[in-house]
Amino acid sequence: DIIDPFSGCLGQDSVTFTVLPEASITLNAITPSSCGNADGTIDFSINTSGSFTYTINGPVSQGPFAFDGPGTPPLLTGLSSGSYSLNITNTVTGCNSVNIVQVEDDAPFDMDAIAINRCSSDAEISIGFRNVVPSAVNVNVINSSGINVFSRNNVSTSTNIFVTGLDTGRYFVEAREVNAPFCLQTDTVSLTISTECLLTIFAPNAFSPNGNAMNEEFFVFPNDFVETFEIYIYNRWGQLIFRSENKDFRWNGYFGDALSPPGTYAYIMKFTSSLAPGQEQEQYGSITLIR
């Protein structure tokens, strides 16, 4: 709104802002390099309309080059093996798209990076090798922002290599043999948190409160994302004999002052998870009391 300070008249107008998306790309083909040589290629397309400049940075750096999208720029050639950052910048808006692209060697061995997802934010990557396996490799793990989050040299390939303590996300793994011809293999892996894990609480199915100091109490193992929690335990006649709102509860088998008889007891757990806000989860199960 605009008000004239002399006449008091009010004027109005509207402005429309358009947010232009950053450039998206499609990787059409990547030609491996031959070990120790810079003869790999990257063929990619820009899917977004606009005027762009692009550069590639890594073991070999090239650009900037100008290109009007959408379309397929000239082939990127003369690339040695490794991880590259392909940066696409809109010359009008300045918006920048960073894309990690890996060029591997035509090597006699293969590498497999496998996600080990857990019911927490600390996931792992297991790295294994096949075919004509080198005795040792140098390993690097790069996140989707192009930051090296793990690096270890001269690692034996006799057993799988584990990279731990990683957040969820996409990772780019590379392993280069330490001896000539220094071939490199790459793989991409995505770490996630399983929805089944997030919305399930692990609970044992039996306990024995018999005074031998072993497995004396019933308790459960909620993951880190459980917020509110309730548990209700019932006997065979449907009578409520135990209730708690503490996810770290311990039930010793007593109902009042008396130890409950051997048998199977049904329970209901109600809980909420920080990764499923506003949704109460219900989990049903049973616990066997052994004496």
C-alpha atoms as a PDB file:
ATOM      1  CA  ASP A   1       0.000   0.000   0.000  1.00  0.00           C
ATOM      2  CA  ILE A   2       1.160   3.554  -0.791  1.00  0.00           C
ATOM      3  CA  ILE A   3      -0.348   6.602   0.995  1.00  0.00           C
ATOM      4  CA  ASP A   4       0.054  10.160  -0.326  1.00  0.00           C
ATOM      5  CA  PRO A   5       1.139  12.211   2.731  1.00  0.00           C
ATOM      6  CA  PHE A   6      -0.567  15.363   1.385  1.00  0.00           C
ATOM      7  CA  SER A   7      -3.897  14.082   0.091  1.00  0.00           C
ATOM      8  CA  GLY A   8      -4.188  10.953   2.179  1.00  0.00           C
ATOM      9  CA  CYS A   9      -5.068   8.987  -0.940  1.00  0.00           C
ATOM     10  CA  LEU A  10      -4.305   5.297  -0.867  1.00  0.00           C
ATOM     11  CA  GLY A  11      -2.796   3.493  -3.820  1.00  0.00           C
ATOM     12  CA  GLN A  12      -2.265  -0.237  -4.208  1.00  0.00           C
ATOM     13  CA  ASP A  13      -0.293  -2.436  -6.534  1.00  0.00           C
ATOM     14  CA  SER A  14       0.897  -6.037  -6.627  1.00  0.00           C
ATOM     15  CA  VAL A  15       4.207  -7.612  -7.505  1.00  0.00           C
ATOM     16  CA  THR A  16       4.658 -11.222  -8.582  1.00  0.00           C
ATOM     17  CA  PHE A  17       7.912 -12.975  -7.699  1.00  0.00           C
ATOM     18  CA  THR A  18       8.886 -16.035  -9.677  1.00  0.00           C
ATOM     19  CA  VAL A  19      11.373 -18.428  -8.098  1.00  0.00           C
ATOM     20  CA  LEU A  20      13.362 -20.077 -10.857  1.00  0.00           C
ATOM     21  CA  PRO A  21      14.542 -23.635 -10.157  1.00  0.00           C
ATOM     22  CA  GLU A  22      18.218 -24.508 -10.142  1.00  0.00           C
ATOM     23  CA  ALA A  23      19.478 -26.443 -13.120  1.00  0.00           C
ATOM     24  CA  SER A  24      18.800 -30.161 -13.188  1.00  0.00           C
ATOM     25  CA  ILE A  25      20.926 -32.552 -15.217  1.00  0.00           C
ATOM     26  CA  THR A  26      20.756 -36.071 -16.597  1.00  0.00           C
ATOM     27  CA  LEU A  27      23.890 -38.197 -16.848  1.00  0.00           C
ATOM     28  CA  ASN A  28      23.636 -39.882 -20.226  1.00  0.00           C
ATOM     29  CA  ALA A  29      26.854 -41.902 -20.180  1.00  0.00           C
ATOM     30  CA  ILE A  30      30.200 -42.094 -18.394  1.00  0.00           C
ATOM     31  CA  THR A  31      33.097 -43.761 -20.189  1.00  0.00           C
ATOM     32  CA  PRO A  32      35.674 -45.251 -17.782  1.00  0.00           C
ATOM     33  CA  SER A  33      39.278 -44.214 -18.116  1.00  0.00           C
ATOM     34  CA  SER A  34      42.069 -46.723 -18.568  1.00  0.00           C
ATOM     35  CA  CYS A  35      44.145 -47.106 -15.410  1.00  0.00           C
ATOM     36  CA  GLY A  36      46.627 -44.253 -15.063  1.00  0.00           C
ATOM     37  CA  ASN A  37      45.371 -42.367 -18.144  1.00  0.00           C
ATOM     38  CA  ALA A  38      43.160 -39.301 -18.615  1.00  0.00           C
ATOM     39  CA  ASP A  39      40.836 -40.692 -21.280  1.00  0.00           C
ATOM     40  CA  GLY A  40      37.471 -40.904 -19.511  1.00  0.00           C
ATOM     41  CA  THR A  41      34.411 -38.965 -20.694  1.00  0.00           C
ATOM     42  CA  ILE A  42      31.152 -37.590 -19.256  1.00  0.00           C
ATOM     43  CA  ASP A  43      28.059 -37.087 -21.415  1.00  0.00           C
ATOM     44  CA  PHE A  44      25.299 -35.090 -19.684  1.00  0.00           C
ATOM     45  CA  SER A  45      22.238 -33.004 -20.513  1.00  0.00           C
ATOM     46  CA  ILE A  46      20.883 -29.842 -18.888  1.00  0.00           C
ATOM     47  CA  ASN A  47      17.114 -30.250 -18.479  1.00  0.00           C
ATOM     48  CA  THR A  48      16.307 -26.671 -17.447  1.00  0.00           C
ATOM     49  CA  SER A  49      15.677 -23.681 -19.703  1.00  0.00           C
ATOM     50  CA  GLY A  50      18.042 -20.721 -19.394  1.00  0.00           C
ATOM     51  CA  SER A  51      21.563 -19.494 -19.963  1.00  0.00           C
ATOM     52  CA  PHE A  52      24.197 -21.342 -17.983  1.00  0.00           C
ATOM     53  CA  THR A  53      27.887 -21.687 -17.376  1.00  0.00           C
ATOM     54  CA  TYR A  54      29.304 -24.999 -16.211  1.00  0.00           C
ATOM     55  CA  THR A  55      32.604 -26.189 -14.809  1.00  0.00           C
ATOM     56  CA  ILE A  56      33.953 -29.549 -13.744  1.00  0.00           C
ATOM     57  CA  ASN A  57      36.425 -29.782 -10.878  1.00  0.00           C
ATOM     58  CA  GLY A  58      38.298 -32.801  -9.589  1.00  0.00           C
ATOM     59  CA  PRO A  59      41.403 -34.697 -10.658  1.00  0.00           C
ATOM     60  CA  VAL A  60      41.031 -32.685 -13.893  1.00  0.00           C
ATOM     61  CA  SER A  61      39.375 -29.250 -13.973  1.00  0.00           C
ATOM     62  CA  GLN A  62      37.743 -27.734 -17.055  1.00  0.00           C
ATOM     63  CA  GLY A  63      35.626 -24.664 -17.805  1.00  0.00           C
ATOM     64  CA  PRO A  64      33.801 -22.442 -17.436  1.00  0.00           C
ATOM     65  CA  PHE A  65      31.796 -23.171 -20.570  1.00  0.00           C
ATOM     66  CA  ALA A  66      28.632 -21.383 -21.718  1.00  0.00           C
ATOM     67  CA  PHE A  67      25.477 -23.236 -22.764  1.00  0.00           C
ATOM     68  CA  ASP A  68      21.793 -22.425 -23.304  1.00  0.00           C
ATOM     69  CA  GLY A  69      19.489 -25.111 -21.981  1.00  0.00           C
ATOM     70  CA  PRO A  70      17.726 -27.373 -22.284  1.00  0.00           C
ATOM     71  CA  GLY A  71      20.016 -29.598 -24.282  1.00  0.00           C
ATOM     72  CA  THR A  72      23.214 -31.621 -24.321  1.00  0.00           C
ATOM     73  CA  PRO A  73      26.529 -29.744 -24.037  1.00  0.00           C
ATOM     74  CA  PRO A  74      29.653 -31.030 -25.804  1.00  0.00           C
ATOM     75  CA  LEU A  75      31.186 -34.188 -24.367  1.00  0.00           C
ATOM     76  CA  LEU A  76      33.576 -33.679 -21.445  1.00  0.00           C
ATOM     77  CA  THR A  77      36.767 -35.531 -22.392  1.00  0.00           C
ATOM     78  CA  GLY A  78      40.307 -36.089 -21.142  1.00  0.00           C
ATOM     79  CA  LEU A  79      39.206 -37.107 -17.640  1.00  0.00           C
ATOM     80  CA  SER A  80      41.236 -39.279 -15.292  1.00  0.00           C
ATOM     81  CA  SER A  81      39.501 -41.463 -12.719  1.00  0.00           C
ATOM     82  CA  GLY A  82      38.080 -39.914  -9.561  1.00  0.00           C
ATOM     83  CA  SER A  83      35.183 -37.914  -8.148  1.00  0.00           C
ATOM     84  CA  TYR A  84      34.203 -34.676  -9.862  1.00  0.00           C
ATOM     85  CA  SER A  85      32.014 -31.719  -8.953  1.00  0.00           C
ATOM     86  CA  LEU A  86      29.965 -30.653 -11.984  1.00  0.00           C
ATOM     87  CA  ASN A  87      28.725 -27.124 -11.240  1.00  0.00           C
ATOM     88  CA  ILE A  88      25.938 -25.565 -13.323  1.00  0.00           C
ATOM     89  CA  THR A  89      25.284 -21.823 -12.767  1.00  0.00           C
ATOM     90  CA  ASN A  90      22.357 -19.815 -14.138  1.00  0.00           C
ATOM     91  CA  THR A  91      23.952 -16.640 -15.523  1.00  0.00           C
ATOM     92  CA  VAL A  92      20.802 -14.579 -14.817  1.00  0.00           C
ATOM     93  CA  THR A  93      19.836 -15.712 -11.323  1.00  0.00           C
ATOM     94  CA  GLY A  94      23.207 -16.925 -10.079  1.00  0.00           C
ATOM     95  CA  CYS A  95      21.577 -20.141  -8.846  1.00  0.00           C
ATOM     96  CA  ASN A  96      24.137 -22.923  -8.706  1.00  0.00           C
ATOM     97  CA  SER A  97      23.610 -26.671  -8.974  1.00  0.00           C
ATOM     98  CA  VAL A  98      26.349 -28.970  -7.636  1.00  0.00           C
ATOM     99  CA  ASN A  99      26.412 -32.532  -8.949  1.00  0.00           C
ATOM    100  CA  ILE A 100      28.890 -35.222  -7.911  1.00  0.00           C
ATOM    101  CA  VAL A 101      29.967 -37.406 -10.835  1.00  0.00           C
ATOM    102  CA  GLN A 102      32.364 -40.341 -10.582  1.00  0.00           C
ATOM    103  CA  VAL A 103      34.640 -41.627 -13.325  1.00  0.00           C
ATOM    104  CA  GLU A 104      36.125 -45.030 -12.595  1.00  0.00           C
ATOM    105  CA  ASP A 105      38.808 -47.029 -14.351  1.00  0.00           C
ATOM    106  CA  ASP A 106      38.305 -50.041 -16.555  1.00  0.00           C
ATOM    107  CA  ALA A 107      39.852 -52.095 -13.758  1.00  0.00           C
ATOM    108  CA  PRO A 108      40.277 -55.859 -13.268  1.00  0.00           C
ATOM    109  CA  PHE A 109      38.495 -55.671  -9.904  1.00  0.00           C
ATOM    110  CA  ASP A 110      35.032 -54.536  -8.794  1.00  0.00           C
ATOM    111  CA  MET A 111      33.963 -52.766  -5.621  1.00  0.00           C
ATOM    112  CA  ASP A 112      30.554 -52.965  -3.932  1.00  0.00           C
ATOM    113  CA  ALA A 113      29.419 -50.425  -1.330  1.00  0.00           C
ATOM    114  CA  ILE A 114      26.444 -51.699   0.671  1.00  0.00           C
ATOM    115  CA  ALA A 115      24.269 -49.667   3.039  1.00  0.00           C
ATOM    116  CA  ILE A 116      23.782 -50.989   6.567  1.00  0.00           C
ATOM    117  CA  ASN A 117      20.784 -48.992   7.763  1.00  0.00           C
ATOM    118  CA  ARG A 118      19.977 -48.917  11.450  1.00  0.00           C
ATOM    119  CA  CYS A 119      17.173 -47.690  13.662  1.00  0.00           C
ATOM    120  CA  SER A 120      19.142 -44.533  14.423  1.00  0.00           C
ATOM    121  CA  SER A 121      21.023 -41.842  12.538  1.00  0.00           C
ATOM    122  CA  ASP A 122      24.323 -43.760  12.731  1.00  0.00           C
ATOM    123  CA  ALA A 123      24.379 -45.908   9.614  1.00  0.00           C
ATOM    124  CA  GLU A 124      27.312 -47.757   8.059  1.00  0.00           C
ATOM    125  CA  ILE A 125      28.765 -48.573   4.664  1.00  0.00           C
ATOM    126  CA  SER A 126      30.288 -51.992   4.021  1.00  0.00           C
ATOM    127  CA  ILE A 127      32.857 -52.029   1.199  1.00  0.00           C
ATOM    128  CA  GLY A 128      33.816 -55.314  -0.459  1.00  0.00           C
ATOM    129  CA  PHE A 129      35.769 -56.365  -3.538  1.00  0.00           C
ATOM    130  CA  ARG A 130      35.433 -58.978  -6.296  1.00  0.00           C
ATOM    131  CA  ASN A 131      37.422 -60.526  -9.167  1.00  0.00           C
ATOM    132  CA  VAL A 132      41.188 -59.761  -9.336  1.00  0.00           C
ATOM    133  CA  VAL A 133      41.364 -57.988  -5.991  1.00  0.00           C
ATOM    134  CA  PRO A 134      44.382 -55.804  -5.084  1.00  0.00           C
ATOM    135  CA  SER A 135      46.012 -56.435  -1.713  1.00  0.00           C
ATOM    136  CA  ALA A 136      45.382 -52.899  -0.428  1.00  0.00           C
ATOM    137  CA  VAL A 137      43.502 -49.752  -1.440  1.00  0.00           C
ATOM    138  CA  ASN A 138      43.100 -46.109  -0.513  1.00  0.00           C
ATOM    139  CA  VAL A 139      39.455 -45.371   0.349  1.00  0.00           C
ATOM    140  CA  ASN A 140      37.545 -42.078   0.203  1.00  0.00           C
ATOM    141  CA  VAL A 141      33.872 -41.423   0.944  1.00  0.00           C
ATOM    142  CA  ILE A 142      32.311 -38.177  -0.288  1.00  0.00           C
ATOM    143  CA  ASN A 143      28.885 -36.794   0.641  1.00  0.00           C
ATOM    144  CA  SER A 144      26.376 -35.202  -1.742  1.00  0.00           C
ATOM    145  CA  SER A 145      27.867 -31.745  -1.103  1.00  0.00           C
ATOM    146  CA  GLY A 146      31.262 -32.894  -2.371  1.00  0.00           C
ATOM    147  CA  ILE A 147      32.847 -33.012   1.093  1.00  0.00           C
ATOM    148  CA  ASN A 148      35.208 -35.875   1.899  1.00  0.00           C
ATOM    149  CA  VAL A 149      33.818 -37.438   5.096  1.00  0.00           C
ATOM    150  CA  PHE A 150      36.093 -40.491   5.282  1.00  0.00           C
ATOM    151  CA  SER A 151      39.628 -41.154   4.073  1.00  0.00           C
ATOM    152  CA  ARG A 152      41.929 -44.057   4.843  1.00  0.00           C
ATOM    153  CA  ASN A 153      45.083 -45.182   3.057  1.00  0.00           C
ATOM    154  CA  ASN A 154      46.646 -48.599   2.521  1.00  0.00           C
ATOM    155  CA  VAL A 155      43.630 -50.559   3.772  1.00  0.00           C
ATOM    156  CA  SER A 156      43.758 -54.334   3.416  1.00  0.00           C
ATOM    157  CA  THR A 157      41.102 -55.860   1.157  1.00  0.00           C
ATOM    158  CA  SER A 158      41.248 -59.263   2.871  1.00  0.00           C
ATOM    159  CA  THR A 159      38.037 -58.411   4.747  1.00  0.00           C
ATOM    160  CA  ASN A 160      35.236 -55.922   4.172  1.00  0.00           C
ATOM    161  CA  ILE A 161      35.939 -52.289   5.056  1.00  0.00           C
ATOM    162  CA  PHE A 162      33.357 -50.590   7.296  1.00  0.00           C
ATOM    163  CA  VAL A 163      32.694 -46.850   7.381  1.00  0.00           C
ATOM    164  CA  THR A 164      30.683 -45.977  10.495  1.00  0.00           C
ATOM    165  CA  GLY A 165      28.996 -43.014  12.165  1.00  0.00           C
ATOM    166  CA  LEU A 166      27.409 -41.597   9.005  1.00  0.00           C
ATOM    167  CA  ASP A 167      24.240 -39.533   8.770  1.00  0.00           C
ATOM    168  CA  THR A 168      21.507 -40.452   6.328  1.00  0.00           C
ATOM    169  CA  GLY A 169      22.047 -39.306   2.754  1.00  0.00           C
ATOM    170  CA  ARG A 170      23.789 -40.192  -0.473  1.00  0.00           C
ATOM    171  CA  TYR A 171      27.484 -41.063  -0.493  1.00  0.00           C
ATOM    172  CA  PHE A 172      30.056 -41.587  -3.233  1.00  0.00           C
ATOM    173  CA  VAL A 173      32.701 -44.225  -2.484  1.00  0.00           C
ATOM    174  CA  GLU A 174      36.022 -44.620  -4.280  1.00  0.00           C
ATOM    175  CA  ALA A 175      38.812 -47.150  -3.782  1.00  0.00           C
ATOM    176  CA  ARG A 176      42.164 -46.887  -5.561  1.00  0.00           C
ATOM    177  CA  GLU A 177      44.744 -49.670  -5.483  1.00  0.00           C
ATOM    178  CA  VAL A 178      47.968 -48.571  -3.792  1.00  0.00           C
ATOM    179  CA  ASN A 179      50.246 -50.190  -6.384  1.00  0.00           C
ATOM    180  CA  ALA A 180      50.603 -49.611 -10.126  1.00  0.00           C
ATOM    181  CA  PRO A 181      48.628 -49.235 -12.304  1.00  0.00           C
ATOM    182  CA  PHE A 182      46.630 -47.493  -9.506  1.00  0.00           C
ATOM    183  CA  CYS A 183      43.195 -48.449 -10.839  1.00  0.00           C
ATOM    184  CA  LEU A 184      40.170 -46.857  -9.186  1.00  0.00           C
ATOM    185  CA  GLN A 185      36.657 -48.220  -8.698  1.00  0.00           C
ATOM    186  CA  THR A 186      33.609 -46.268  -7.523  1.00  0.00           C
ATOM    187  CA  ASP A 187      30.140 -46.890  -6.162  1.00  0.00           C
ATOM    188  CA  THR A 188      27.199 -44.848  -4.877  1.00  0.00           C
ATOM    189  CA  VAL A 189      25.160 -45.735  -1.811  1.00  0.00           C
ATOM    190  CA  SER A 190      22.187 -44.139  -0.049  1.00  0.00           C
ATOM    191  CA  LEU A 191      21.823 -44.434   3.722  1.00  0.00           C
ATOM    192  CA  THR A 192      18.310 -44.235   5.105  1.00  0.00           C
ATOM    193  CA  ILE A 193      16.436 -44.947   8.303  1.00  0.00           C
ATOM    194  CA  SER A 194      13.996 -47.786   7.825  1.00  0.00           C
ATOM    195  CA  THR A 195      10.387 -46.752   8.387  1.00  0.00           C
ATOM    196  CA  GLU A 196       9.757 -50.176   9.888  1.00  0.00           C
ATOM    197  CA  CYS A 197      12.492 -49.554  12.420  1.00  0.00           C
ATOM    198  CA  LEU A 198      11.269 -46.092  13.271  1.00  0.00           C
ATOM    199  CA  LEU A 199       7.741 -47.227  13.996  1.00  0.00           C
ATOM    200  CA  THR A 200       8.579 -50.474  15.766  1.00  0.00           C
ATOM    201  CA  ILE A 201       9.887 -51.023  19.286  1.00  0.00           C
ATOM    202  CA  PHE A 202      11.854 -54.210  19.852  1.00  0.00           C
ATOM    203  CA  ALA A 203      10.476 -56.267  22.740  1.00  0.00           C
ATOM    204  CA  PRO A 204      11.633 -59.662  24.102  1.00  0.00           C
ATOM    205  CA  ASN A 205       9.051 -62.438  24.222  1.00  0.00           C
ATOM    206  CA  ALA A 206       9.897 -64.023  27.593  1.00  0.00           C
ATOM    207  CA  PHE A 207      11.408 -63.355  31.029  1.00  0.00           C
ATOM    208  CA  SER A 208      11.899 -65.375  34.195  1.00  0.00           C
ATOM    209  CA  PRO A 209      11.544 -63.557  37.542  1.00  0.00           C
ATOM    210  CA  ASN A 210      12.717 -66.552  39.587  1.00  0.00           C
ATOM    211  CA  GLY A 211      15.447 -64.945  41.678  1.00  0.00           C
ATOM    212  CA  ASN A 212      18.492 -66.254  39.787  1.00  0.00           C
ATOM    213  CA  ALA A 213      19.537 -62.716  38.722  1.00  0.00           C
ATOM    214  CA  MET A 214      19.163 -63.601  35.033  1.00  0.00           C
ATOM    215  CA  ASN A 215      16.427 -62.149  32.804  1.00  0.00           C
ATOM    216  CA  GLU A 216      14.495 -61.062  35.894  1.00  0.00           C
ATOM    217  CA  GLU A 217      12.560 -58.149  34.341  1.00  0.00           C
ATOM    218  CA  PHE A 218      10.596 -57.367  31.219  1.00  0.00           C
ATOM    219  CA  PHE A 219      11.600 -54.208  29.342  1.00  0.00           C
ATOM    220  CA  VAL A 220      11.742 -52.980  25.747  1.00  0.00           C
ATOM    221  CA  PHE A 221      14.272 -51.242  23.496  1.00  0.00           C
ATOM    222  CA  PRO A 222      12.809 -48.046  22.012  1.00  0.00           C
ATOM    223  CA  ASN A 223      14.874 -46.277  19.369  1.00  0.00           C
ATOM    224  CA  ASP A 224      16.121 -42.701  19.673  1.00  0.00           C
ATOM    225  CA  PHE A 225      13.079 -41.225  17.938  1.00  0.00           C
ATOM    226  CA  VAL A 226      10.432 -42.372  20.416  1.00  0.00           C
ATOM    227  CA  GLU A 227       8.978 -39.360  22.236  1.00  0.00           C
ATOM    228  CA  THR A 228       5.854 -40.177  24.276  1.00  0.00           C
ATOM    229  CA  PHE A 229       5.320 -43.743  25.433  1.00  0.00           C
ATOM    230  CA  GLU A 230       2.749 -45.866  27.278  1.00  0.00           C
ATOM    231  CA  ILE A 231       2.538 -49.602  27.896  1.00  0.00           C
ATOM    232  CA  TYR A 232      -0.387 -51.634  29.242  1.00  0.00           C
ATOM    233  CA  ILE A 233       0.048 -55.282  30.296  1.00  0.00           C
ATOM    234  CA  TYR A 234      -2.972 -57.562  30.795  1.00  0.00           C
ATOM    235  CA  ASN A 235      -3.479 -61.017  32.258  1.00  0.00           C
ATOM    236  CA  ARG A 236      -5.412 -63.801  30.527  1.00  0.00           C
ATOM    237  CA  TRP A 237      -8.738 -62.422  31.802  1.00  0.00           C
ATOM    238  CA  GLY A 238      -8.109 -58.968  30.353  1.00  0.00           C
ATOM    239  CA  GLN A 239      -7.311 -57.375  33.699  1.00  0.00           C
ATOM    240  CA  LEU A 240      -4.776 -54.536  33.596  1.00  0.00           C
ATOM    241  CA  ILE A 241      -1.908 -55.571  35.871  1.00  0.00           C
ATOM    242  CA  PHE A 242       0.835 -53.127  34.857  1.00  0.00           C
ATOM    243  CA  ARG A 243       1.003 -49.692  33.258  1.00  0.00           C
ATOM    244  CA  SER A 244       3.854 -47.238  32.672  1.00  0.00           C
ATOM    245  CA  GLU A 245       4.498 -44.006  30.775  1.00  0.00           C
ATOM    246  CA  ASN A 246       8.267 -44.419  31.040  1.00  0.00           C
ATOM    247  CA  LYS A 247       9.919 -45.955  27.963  1.00  0.00           C
ATOM    248  CA  ASP A 248      12.703 -47.179  30.272  1.00  0.00           C
ATOM    249  CA  PHE A 249      10.217 -49.070  32.480  1.00  0.00           C
ATOM    250  CA  ARG A 250      11.025 -52.400  34.145  1.00  0.00           C
ATOM    251  CA  TRP A 251       8.309 -54.894  35.063  1.00  0.00           C
ATOM    252  CA  ASN A 252       9.345 -57.480  37.637  1.00  0.00           C
ATOM    253  CA  GLY A 253       6.261 -59.631  37.112  1.00  0.00           C
ATOM    254  CA  TYR A 254       4.401 -58.410  40.192  1.00  0.00           C
ATOM    255  CA  PHE A 255       0.758 -57.382  40.356  1.00  0.00           C
ATOM    256  CA  GLY A 256       0.401 -55.522  43.599  1.00  0.00           C
ATOM    257  CA  ASP A 257       2.318 -57.459  46.251  1.00  0.00           C
ATOM    258  CA  ALA A 258       2.110 -60.835  44.514  1.00  0.00           C
ATOM    259  CA  LEU A 259       4.232 -62.316  41.759  1.00  0.00           C
ATOM    260  CA  SER A 260       2.063 -63.159  38.761  1.00  0.00           C
ATOM    261  CA  PRO A 261       1.680 -66.831  37.837  1.00  0.00           C
ATOM    262  CA  PRO A 262       3.508 -68.323  34.843  1.00  0.00           C
ATOM    263  CA  GLY A 263       1.773 -67.706  31.550  1.00  0.00           C
ATOM    264  CA  THR A 264       1.463 -65.385  28.592  1.00  0.00           C
ATOM    265  CA  TYR A 265       0.524 -61.742  29.116  1.00  0.00           C
ATOM    266  CA  ALA A 266      -0.700 -59.460  26.349  1.00  0.00           C
ATOM    267  CA  TYR A 267       0.474 -55.873  26.083  1.00  0.00           C
ATOM    268  CA  ILE A 268      -0.251 -52.727  24.103  1.00  0.00           C
ATOM    269  CA  MET A 269       2.388 -50.051  23.534  1.00  0.00           C
ATOM    270  CA  LYS A 270       1.294 -46.600  22.413  1.00  0.00           C
ATOM    271  CA  PHE A 271       3.987 -44.163  21.349  1.00  0.00           C
ATOM    272  CA  THR A 272       4.841 -41.241  19.095  1.00  0.00           C
ATOM    273  CA  SER A 273       7.937 -40.782  16.939  1.00  0.00           C
ATOM    274  CA  SER A 274       9.665 -37.523  16.073  1.00  0.00           C
ATOM    275  CA  LEU A 275       9.868 -38.668  12.452  1.00  0.00           C
ATOM    276  CA  ALA A 276       6.111 -39.285  12.215  1.00  0.00           C
ATOM    277  CA  PRO A 277       4.782 -36.198  14.045  1.00  0.00           C
ATOM    278  CA  GLY A 278       1.142 -36.119  15.032  1.00  0.00           C
ATOM    279  CA  GLN A 279       0.658 -39.862  14.599  1.00  0.00           C
ATOM    280  CA  GLU A 280       0.228 -42.163  17.587  1.00  0.00           C
ATOM    281  CA  GLN A 281       1.509 -45.664  16.945  1.00  0.00           C
ATOM    282  CA  GLU A 282       0.075 -48.797  18.556  1.00  0.00           C
ATOM    283  CA  GLN A 283       2.080 -51.995  18.839  1.00  0.00           C
ATOM    284  CA  TYR A 284       0.589 -55.229  20.163  1.00  0.00           C
ATOM    285  CA  GLY A 285       2.443 -58.220  21.517  1.00  0.00           C
ATOM    286  CA  SER A 286       2.778 -60.718  24.335  1.00  0.00           C
ATOM    287  CA  ILE A 287       5.345 -61.630  26.951  1.00  0.00           C
ATOM    288  CA  THR A 288       5.699 -65.066  28.533  1.00  0.00           C
ATOM    289  CA  LEU A 289       6.460 -65.194  32.257  1.00  0.00           C
ATOM    290  CA  ILE A 290       8.526 -68.275  33.123  1.00  0.00           C
ATOM    291  CA  ARG A 291       9.287 -69.457  36.656  1.00  0.00           C
END
